[in-house]
């Protein structure tokens, strides 16, 4: 841990325990279009980036349905119900540990940037991060542009950056950046989808927090 100059955190499913909230909102949107609801197991099995992929897998015909409309509806419902989602257990503790160790911290998300800023502030996390970076749009096309922008803006050496996420997409982003990665298997993809990606996988955020504490000597 001490060899890293920066930790880049993913938001949804990593620091924010929002899988159940997302499932509720996804099913509300599906109901708007007459599509059947997803089980939690099915949601974890199909969730992916870009988001267009999982909406198709969920049963929406995006050749006939406006994806911008779907995304806008999801964003509206999600932010309106955000109070139903908690931070992962130990989030404040682990962010504090990393901060006190002098390691810079950044937050990236597929969430639209201004909405991400509002959410981060509402959970009292803003002060932990040197910067947060969301998307210019709310279409959830992928986090690589946000991560690259952070690295370029702060002149970070990717070989000394650790990206912490919860999906195969996060591992892909880290690989393309040349950064290290660790995944937590209680977010938007289950452990079965994370194994074999060539990066460490932790069973829970608490396990990750304990590992960080050990590595930082706290």
C-alpha atoms as a PDB file:
ATOM      1  CA  UNK A   1       0.000   0.000   0.000  1.00  0.00           C
ATOM      2  CA  UNK A   2       2.773   2.415   0.887  1.00  0.00           C
ATOM      3  CA  UNK A   3       4.250   2.155  -2.582  1.00  0.00           C
ATOM      4  CA  UNK A   4       1.195   3.863  -4.074  1.00  0.00           C
ATOM      5  CA  UNK A   5       1.037   7.614  -4.465  1.00  0.00           C
ATOM      6  CA  UNK A   6      -2.705   7.636  -5.083  1.00  0.00           C
ATOM      7  CA  UNK A   7      -5.853   5.570  -4.684  1.00  0.00           C
ATOM      8  CA  UNK A   8      -8.611   6.041  -7.247  1.00  0.00           C
ATOM      9  CA  UNK A   9     -11.927   4.910  -5.808  1.00  0.00           C
ATOM     10  CA  UNK A  10     -14.986   3.858  -7.737  1.00  0.00           C
ATOM     11  CA  UNK A  11     -18.241   5.171  -6.290  1.00  0.00           C
ATOM     12  CA  UNK A  12     -21.287   2.995  -6.990  1.00  0.00           C
ATOM     13  CA  UNK A  13     -21.012  -0.430  -5.394  1.00  0.00           C
ATOM     14  CA  UNK A  14     -17.538   0.270  -4.005  1.00  0.00           C
ATOM     15  CA  UNK A  15     -17.813   3.124  -1.513  1.00  0.00           C
ATOM     16  CA  UNK A  16     -21.589   3.437  -1.866  1.00  0.00           C
ATOM     17  CA  UNK A  17     -23.571   0.302  -1.038  1.00  0.00           C
ATOM     18  CA  UNK A  18     -26.256   0.936  -3.635  1.00  0.00           C
ATOM     19  CA  UNK A  19     -26.905  -2.420  -5.320  1.00  0.00           C
ATOM     20  CA  UNK A  20     -30.325  -2.850  -3.726  1.00  0.00           C
ATOM     21  CA  UNK A  21     -31.268   0.749  -4.527  1.00  0.00           C
ATOM     22  CA  UNK A  22     -30.165   0.332  -8.136  1.00  0.00           C
ATOM     23  CA  UNK A  23     -32.211  -2.855  -8.439  1.00  0.00           C
ATOM     24  CA  UNK A  24     -35.308  -1.044  -7.186  1.00  0.00           C
ATOM     25  CA  UNK A  25     -34.762   1.833  -9.605  1.00  0.00           C
ATOM     26  CA  UNK A  26     -33.952  -0.412 -12.566  1.00  0.00           C
ATOM     27  CA  UNK A  27     -37.151  -2.345 -11.957  1.00  0.00           C
ATOM     28  CA  UNK A  28     -39.154   0.890 -11.761  1.00  0.00           C
ATOM     29  CA  UNK A  29     -37.763   1.924 -15.139  1.00  0.00           C
ATOM     30  CA  UNK A  30     -38.419  -1.510 -16.626  1.00  0.00           C
ATOM     31  CA  UNK A  31     -42.001  -1.302 -15.388  1.00  0.00           C
ATOM     32  CA  UNK A  32     -42.363   2.068 -17.143  1.00  0.00           C
ATOM     33  CA  UNK A  33     -41.698   0.261 -20.417  1.00  0.00           C
ATOM     34  CA  UNK A  34     -43.697  -2.866 -19.679  1.00  0.00           C
ATOM     35  CA  UNK A  35     -40.651  -5.102 -19.149  1.00  0.00           C
ATOM     36  CA  UNK A  36     -40.524  -7.747 -16.392  1.00  0.00           C
ATOM     37  CA  UNK A  37     -38.653  -7.075 -13.166  1.00  0.00           C
ATOM     38  CA  UNK A  38     -35.175  -8.450 -12.509  1.00  0.00           C
ATOM     39  CA  UNK A  39     -34.211 -10.598  -9.563  1.00  0.00           C
ATOM     40  CA  UNK A  40     -31.116  -9.561  -7.627  1.00  0.00           C
ATOM     41  CA  UNK A  41     -29.271 -12.578  -8.994  1.00  0.00           C
ATOM     42  CA  UNK A  42     -30.169 -11.664 -12.570  1.00  0.00           C
ATOM     43  CA  UNK A  43     -29.157  -8.042 -12.032  1.00  0.00           C
ATOM     44  CA  UNK A  44     -25.699  -9.037 -10.784  1.00  0.00           C
ATOM     45  CA  UNK A  45     -25.352 -11.410 -13.716  1.00  0.00           C
ATOM     46  CA  UNK A  46     -26.107  -8.846 -16.436  1.00  0.00           C
ATOM     47  CA  UNK A  47     -24.739  -5.584 -15.004  1.00  0.00           C
ATOM     48  CA  UNK A  48     -22.048  -4.158 -17.266  1.00  0.00           C
ATOM     49  CA  UNK A  49     -20.638  -1.124 -19.021  1.00  0.00           C
ATOM     50  CA  UNK A  50     -21.548   0.644 -21.141  1.00  0.00           C
ATOM     51  CA  UNK A  51     -24.941   0.705 -19.427  1.00  0.00           C
ATOM     52  CA  UNK A  52     -26.681   0.248 -22.774  1.00  0.00           C
ATOM     53  CA  UNK A  53     -25.545  -3.394 -22.616  1.00  0.00           C
ATOM     54  CA  UNK A  54     -27.313  -4.255 -19.395  1.00  0.00           C
ATOM     55  CA  UNK A  55     -30.490  -2.399 -20.323  1.00  0.00           C
ATOM     56  CA  UNK A  56     -30.664  -4.547 -23.452  1.00  0.00           C
ATOM     57  CA  UNK A  57     -29.993  -7.665 -21.402  1.00  0.00           C
ATOM     58  CA  UNK A  58     -32.703  -6.503 -19.001  1.00  0.00           C
ATOM     59  CA  UNK A  59     -35.231  -6.631 -21.812  1.00  0.00           C
ATOM     60  CA  UNK A  60     -35.455  -3.125 -23.299  1.00  0.00           C
ATOM     61  CA  UNK A  61     -35.495  -2.811 -27.074  1.00  0.00           C
ATOM     62  CA  UNK A  62     -33.238   0.201 -27.488  1.00  0.00           C
ATOM     63  CA  UNK A  63     -33.870   0.252 -31.219  1.00  0.00           C
ATOM     64  CA  UNK A  64     -37.364   1.455 -30.346  1.00  0.00           C
ATOM     65  CA  UNK A  65     -36.810   3.108 -26.973  1.00  0.00           C
ATOM     66  CA  UNK A  66     -34.795   6.299 -26.546  1.00  0.00           C
ATOM     67  CA  UNK A  67     -31.783   5.401 -24.411  1.00  0.00           C
ATOM     68  CA  UNK A  68     -31.348   9.042 -23.355  1.00  0.00           C
ATOM     69  CA  UNK A  69     -34.871   8.918 -21.947  1.00  0.00           C
ATOM     70  CA  UNK A  70     -34.139   5.674 -20.082  1.00  0.00           C
ATOM     71  CA  UNK A  71     -30.937   7.118 -18.598  1.00  0.00           C
ATOM     72  CA  UNK A  72     -32.616  10.349 -17.542  1.00  0.00           C
ATOM     73  CA  UNK A  73     -35.435   8.446 -15.835  1.00  0.00           C
ATOM     74  CA  UNK A  74     -32.949   6.232 -13.995  1.00  0.00           C
ATOM     75  CA  UNK A  75     -30.882   9.211 -12.815  1.00  0.00           C
ATOM     76  CA  UNK A  76     -33.957  11.051 -11.563  1.00  0.00           C
ATOM     77  CA  UNK A  77     -35.278   8.078  -9.604  1.00  0.00           C
ATOM     78  CA  UNK A  78     -31.864   7.161  -8.234  1.00  0.00           C
ATOM     79  CA  UNK A  79     -30.999  10.575  -6.847  1.00  0.00           C
ATOM     80  CA  UNK A  80     -34.493  11.051  -5.426  1.00  0.00           C
ATOM     81  CA  UNK A  81     -34.123   7.798  -3.473  1.00  0.00           C
ATOM     82  CA  UNK A  82     -30.429   8.121  -2.601  1.00  0.00           C
ATOM     83  CA  UNK A  83     -31.164   8.239   1.137  1.00  0.00           C
ATOM     84  CA  UNK A  84     -31.994   4.522   0.922  1.00  0.00           C
ATOM     85  CA  UNK A  85     -28.328   3.706   0.235  1.00  0.00           C
ATOM     86  CA  UNK A  86     -25.609   3.681   2.870  1.00  0.00           C
ATOM     87  CA  UNK A  87     -21.855   3.895   2.594  1.00  0.00           C
ATOM     88  CA  UNK A  88     -20.067   0.578   2.788  1.00  0.00           C
ATOM     89  CA  UNK A  89     -19.193  -0.289   6.415  1.00  0.00           C
ATOM     90  CA  UNK A  90     -15.848   1.242   7.292  1.00  0.00           C
ATOM     91  CA  UNK A  91     -15.775   3.765   4.442  1.00  0.00           C
ATOM     92  CA  UNK A  92     -14.977   6.768   6.620  1.00  0.00           C
ATOM     93  CA  UNK A  93     -12.376   4.760   8.511  1.00  0.00           C
ATOM     94  CA  UNK A  94     -10.543   3.568   5.411  1.00  0.00           C
ATOM     95  CA  UNK A  95     -10.627   6.974   3.711  1.00  0.00           C
ATOM     96  CA  UNK A  96      -9.254   8.511   6.885  1.00  0.00           C
ATOM     97  CA  UNK A  97      -6.453   5.931   7.102  1.00  0.00           C
ATOM     98  CA  UNK A  98      -5.348   6.552   3.542  1.00  0.00           C
ATOM     99  CA  UNK A  99      -5.554  10.319   3.997  1.00  0.00           C
ATOM    100  CA  UNK A 100      -3.445  10.254   7.163  1.00  0.00           C
ATOM    101  CA  UNK A 101      -0.862   8.100   5.387  1.00  0.00           C
ATOM    102  CA  UNK A 102      -0.319  10.956   2.928  1.00  0.00           C
ATOM    103  CA  UNK A 103      -1.691   9.029  -0.049  1.00  0.00           C
ATOM    104  CA  UNK A 104      -3.779  11.106  -2.442  1.00  0.00           C
ATOM    105  CA  UNK A 105      -7.340   9.967  -3.090  1.00  0.00           C
ATOM    106  CA  UNK A 106      -9.623  10.489  -6.071  1.00  0.00           C
ATOM    107  CA  UNK A 107     -13.162   9.442  -6.906  1.00  0.00           C
ATOM    108  CA  UNK A 108     -14.460   8.417 -10.329  1.00  0.00           C
ATOM    109  CA  UNK A 109     -17.918   7.348 -11.403  1.00  0.00           C
ATOM    110  CA  UNK A 110     -20.205   6.831 -14.354  1.00  0.00           C
ATOM    111  CA  UNK A 111     -22.566   9.203 -12.569  1.00  0.00           C
ATOM    112  CA  UNK A 112     -23.036  12.612 -14.185  1.00  0.00           C
ATOM    113  CA  UNK A 113     -20.448  14.942 -12.663  1.00  0.00           C
ATOM    114  CA  UNK A 114     -22.666  17.490 -10.902  1.00  0.00           C
ATOM    115  CA  UNK A 115     -24.818  14.707  -9.455  1.00  0.00           C
ATOM    116  CA  UNK A 116     -21.690  12.936  -8.211  1.00  0.00           C
ATOM    117  CA  UNK A 117     -20.558  16.132  -6.494  1.00  0.00           C
ATOM    118  CA  UNK A 118     -23.931  16.467  -4.769  1.00  0.00           C
ATOM    119  CA  UNK A 119     -23.856  12.854  -3.612  1.00  0.00           C
ATOM    120  CA  UNK A 120     -20.297  13.038  -2.310  1.00  0.00           C
ATOM    121  CA  UNK A 121     -21.136  16.164  -0.358  1.00  0.00           C
ATOM    122  CA  UNK A 122     -24.315  14.653   1.073  1.00  0.00           C
ATOM    123  CA  UNK A 123     -22.325  11.765   2.565  1.00  0.00           C
ATOM    124  CA  UNK A 124     -19.649  14.072   3.987  1.00  0.00           C
ATOM    125  CA  UNK A 125     -16.835  12.667   1.841  1.00  0.00           C
ATOM    126  CA  UNK A 126     -15.725  15.637  -0.261  1.00  0.00           C
ATOM    127  CA  UNK A 127     -12.793  16.604   1.961  1.00  0.00           C
ATOM    128  CA  UNK A 128     -11.151  13.191   1.571  1.00  0.00           C
ATOM    129  CA  UNK A 129     -10.580  13.583  -2.174  1.00  0.00           C
ATOM    130  CA  UNK A 130      -8.127  15.698  -4.116  1.00  0.00           C
ATOM    131  CA  UNK A 131     -10.691  15.593  -6.909  1.00  0.00           C
ATOM    132  CA  UNK A 132     -13.812  13.790  -8.033  1.00  0.00           C
ATOM    133  CA  UNK A 133     -14.621  13.111 -11.659  1.00  0.00           C
ATOM    134  CA  UNK A 134     -17.936  12.004 -13.068  1.00  0.00           C
ATOM    135  CA  UNK A 135     -19.277  11.933 -16.607  1.00  0.00           C
ATOM    136  CA  UNK A 136     -20.146  14.836 -18.883  1.00  0.00           C
ATOM    137  CA  UNK A 137     -23.389  12.987 -19.603  1.00  0.00           C
ATOM    138  CA  UNK A 138     -25.400  10.482 -17.589  1.00  0.00           C
ATOM    139  CA  UNK A 139     -25.194   7.706 -20.171  1.00  0.00           C
ATOM    140  CA  UNK A 140     -22.735   5.537 -18.173  1.00  0.00           C
ATOM    141  CA  UNK A 141     -20.529   4.793 -21.160  1.00  0.00           C
ATOM    142  CA  UNK A 142     -17.471   3.909 -19.075  1.00  0.00           C
ATOM    143  CA  UNK A 143     -14.998   5.379 -16.589  1.00  0.00           C
ATOM    144  CA  UNK A 144     -11.804   5.348 -18.644  1.00  0.00           C
ATOM    145  CA  UNK A 145     -12.069   9.014 -19.754  1.00  0.00           C
ATOM    146  CA  UNK A 146     -12.638  10.132 -16.151  1.00  0.00           C
ATOM    147  CA  UNK A 147      -9.681   8.106 -14.880  1.00  0.00           C
ATOM    148  CA  UNK A 148      -7.386   9.391 -17.627  1.00  0.00           C
ATOM    149  CA  UNK A 149      -8.414  12.954 -16.891  1.00  0.00           C
ATOM    150  CA  UNK A 150      -7.487  12.501 -13.224  1.00  0.00           C
ATOM    151  CA  UNK A 151      -4.076  11.017 -14.046  1.00  0.00           C
ATOM    152  CA  UNK A 152      -3.280  13.731 -16.579  1.00  0.00           C
ATOM    153  CA  UNK A 153      -4.544  16.624 -14.455  1.00  0.00           C
ATOM    154  CA  UNK A 154      -2.500  15.580 -11.421  1.00  0.00           C
ATOM    155  CA  UNK A 155       0.517  14.175 -13.306  1.00  0.00           C
ATOM    156  CA  UNK A 156       0.152  10.782 -11.641  1.00  0.00           C
ATOM    157  CA  UNK A 157       2.417   7.884 -12.555  1.00  0.00           C
ATOM    158  CA  UNK A 158      -0.081   5.069 -13.307  1.00  0.00           C
ATOM    159  CA  UNK A 159       2.346   2.453 -11.999  1.00  0.00           C
ATOM    160  CA  UNK A 160       1.968   4.086  -8.569  1.00  0.00           C
ATOM    161  CA  UNK A 161      -1.829   4.282  -8.661  1.00  0.00           C
ATOM    162  CA  UNK A 162      -4.242   1.759  -7.137  1.00  0.00           C
ATOM    163  CA  UNK A 163      -7.782   1.634  -8.539  1.00  0.00           C
ATOM    164  CA  UNK A 164     -10.404   0.140  -6.218  1.00  0.00           C
ATOM    165  CA  UNK A 165     -13.656  -0.998  -7.802  1.00  0.00           C
ATOM    166  CA  UNK A 166     -16.337  -3.666  -7.919  1.00  0.00           C
ATOM    167  CA  UNK A 167     -16.666  -4.693 -11.569  1.00  0.00           C
ATOM    168  CA  UNK A 168     -14.758  -6.186 -14.459  1.00  0.00           C
ATOM    169  CA  UNK A 169     -14.954  -2.747 -16.068  1.00  0.00           C
ATOM    170  CA  UNK A 170     -12.880  -1.304 -13.223  1.00  0.00           C
ATOM    171  CA  UNK A 171     -10.233  -3.966 -13.837  1.00  0.00           C
ATOM    172  CA  UNK A 172     -10.279  -3.106 -17.540  1.00  0.00           C
ATOM    173  CA  UNK A 173      -9.859   0.614 -16.799  1.00  0.00           C
ATOM    174  CA  UNK A 174      -6.888  -0.107 -14.526  1.00  0.00           C
ATOM    175  CA  UNK A 175      -5.304  -2.332 -17.163  1.00  0.00           C
ATOM    176  CA  UNK A 176      -5.633   0.316 -19.856  1.00  0.00           C
ATOM    177  CA  UNK A 177      -4.167   2.930 -17.538  1.00  0.00           C
ATOM    178  CA  UNK A 178      -1.295   0.704 -16.442  1.00  0.00           C
ATOM    179  CA  UNK A 179      -2.465   0.974 -12.823  1.00  0.00           C
ATOM    180  CA  UNK A 180      -2.872  -1.665 -10.126  1.00  0.00           C
ATOM    181  CA  UNK A 181      -6.369  -2.795  -9.188  1.00  0.00           C
ATOM    182  CA  UNK A 182      -8.257  -4.517  -6.391  1.00  0.00           C
ATOM    183  CA  UNK A 183     -11.924  -5.462  -6.623  1.00  0.00           C
ATOM    184  CA  UNK A 184     -14.575  -5.934  -3.950  1.00  0.00           C
ATOM    185  CA  UNK A 185     -17.027  -8.755  -4.639  1.00  0.00           C
ATOM    186  CA  UNK A 186     -20.113  -7.335  -2.947  1.00  0.00           C
ATOM    187  CA  UNK A 187     -20.929  -4.611  -5.457  1.00  0.00           C
ATOM    188  CA  UNK A 188     -22.643  -4.721  -8.839  1.00  0.00           C
ATOM    189  CA  UNK A 189     -21.005  -7.948 -10.003  1.00  0.00           C
ATOM    190  CA  UNK A 190     -20.702 -11.142  -8.006  1.00  0.00           C
ATOM    191  CA  UNK A 191     -17.455 -13.009  -7.272  1.00  0.00           C
ATOM    192  CA  UNK A 192     -18.016 -15.443 -10.115  1.00  0.00           C
ATOM    193  CA  UNK A 193     -17.693 -12.631 -12.644  1.00  0.00           C
ATOM    194  CA  UNK A 194     -14.598 -11.166 -10.989  1.00  0.00           C
ATOM    195  CA  UNK A 195     -12.482 -14.288 -10.665  1.00  0.00           C
ATOM    196  CA  UNK A 196      -9.978 -14.869 -13.427  1.00  0.00           C
ATOM    197  CA  UNK A 197      -9.499 -11.171 -14.231  1.00  0.00           C
ATOM    198  CA  UNK A 198      -5.923 -11.237 -13.008  1.00  0.00           C
ATOM    199  CA  UNK A 199      -6.444  -8.802 -10.134  1.00  0.00           C
ATOM    200  CA  UNK A 200      -6.951  -9.377  -6.388  1.00  0.00           C
ATOM    201  CA  UNK A 201     -10.577  -9.815  -5.316  1.00  0.00           C
ATOM    202  CA  UNK A 202     -11.725  -9.185  -1.745  1.00  0.00           C
ATOM    203  CA  UNK A 203     -14.918 -10.780  -0.466  1.00  0.00           C
ATOM    204  CA  UNK A 204     -16.171  -7.623   1.240  1.00  0.00           C
ATOM    205  CA  UNK A 205     -15.384  -3.974   1.742  1.00  0.00           C
ATOM    206  CA  UNK A 206     -14.694  -4.723   5.397  1.00  0.00           C
ATOM    207  CA  UNK A 207     -12.058  -7.261   4.353  1.00  0.00           C
ATOM    208  CA  UNK A 208     -10.507  -4.631   2.117  1.00  0.00           C
ATOM    209  CA  UNK A 209     -10.596  -2.097   4.940  1.00  0.00           C
ATOM    210  CA  UNK A 210      -8.849  -4.523   7.291  1.00  0.00           C
ATOM    211  CA  UNK A 211      -6.163  -5.157   4.665  1.00  0.00           C
ATOM    212  CA  UNK A 212      -5.576  -1.442   4.147  1.00  0.00           C
ATOM    213  CA  UNK A 213      -5.290  -0.936   7.902  1.00  0.00           C
ATOM    214  CA  UNK A 214      -2.717  -3.724   8.150  1.00  0.00           C
ATOM    215  CA  UNK A 215      -0.704  -2.400   5.232  1.00  0.00           C
ATOM    216  CA  UNK A 216      -0.739   1.129   6.628  1.00  0.00           C
ATOM    217  CA  UNK A 217       0.178  -0.034  10.074  1.00  0.00           C
ATOM    218  CA  UNK A 218      -2.995   1.267  11.691  1.00  0.00           C
END
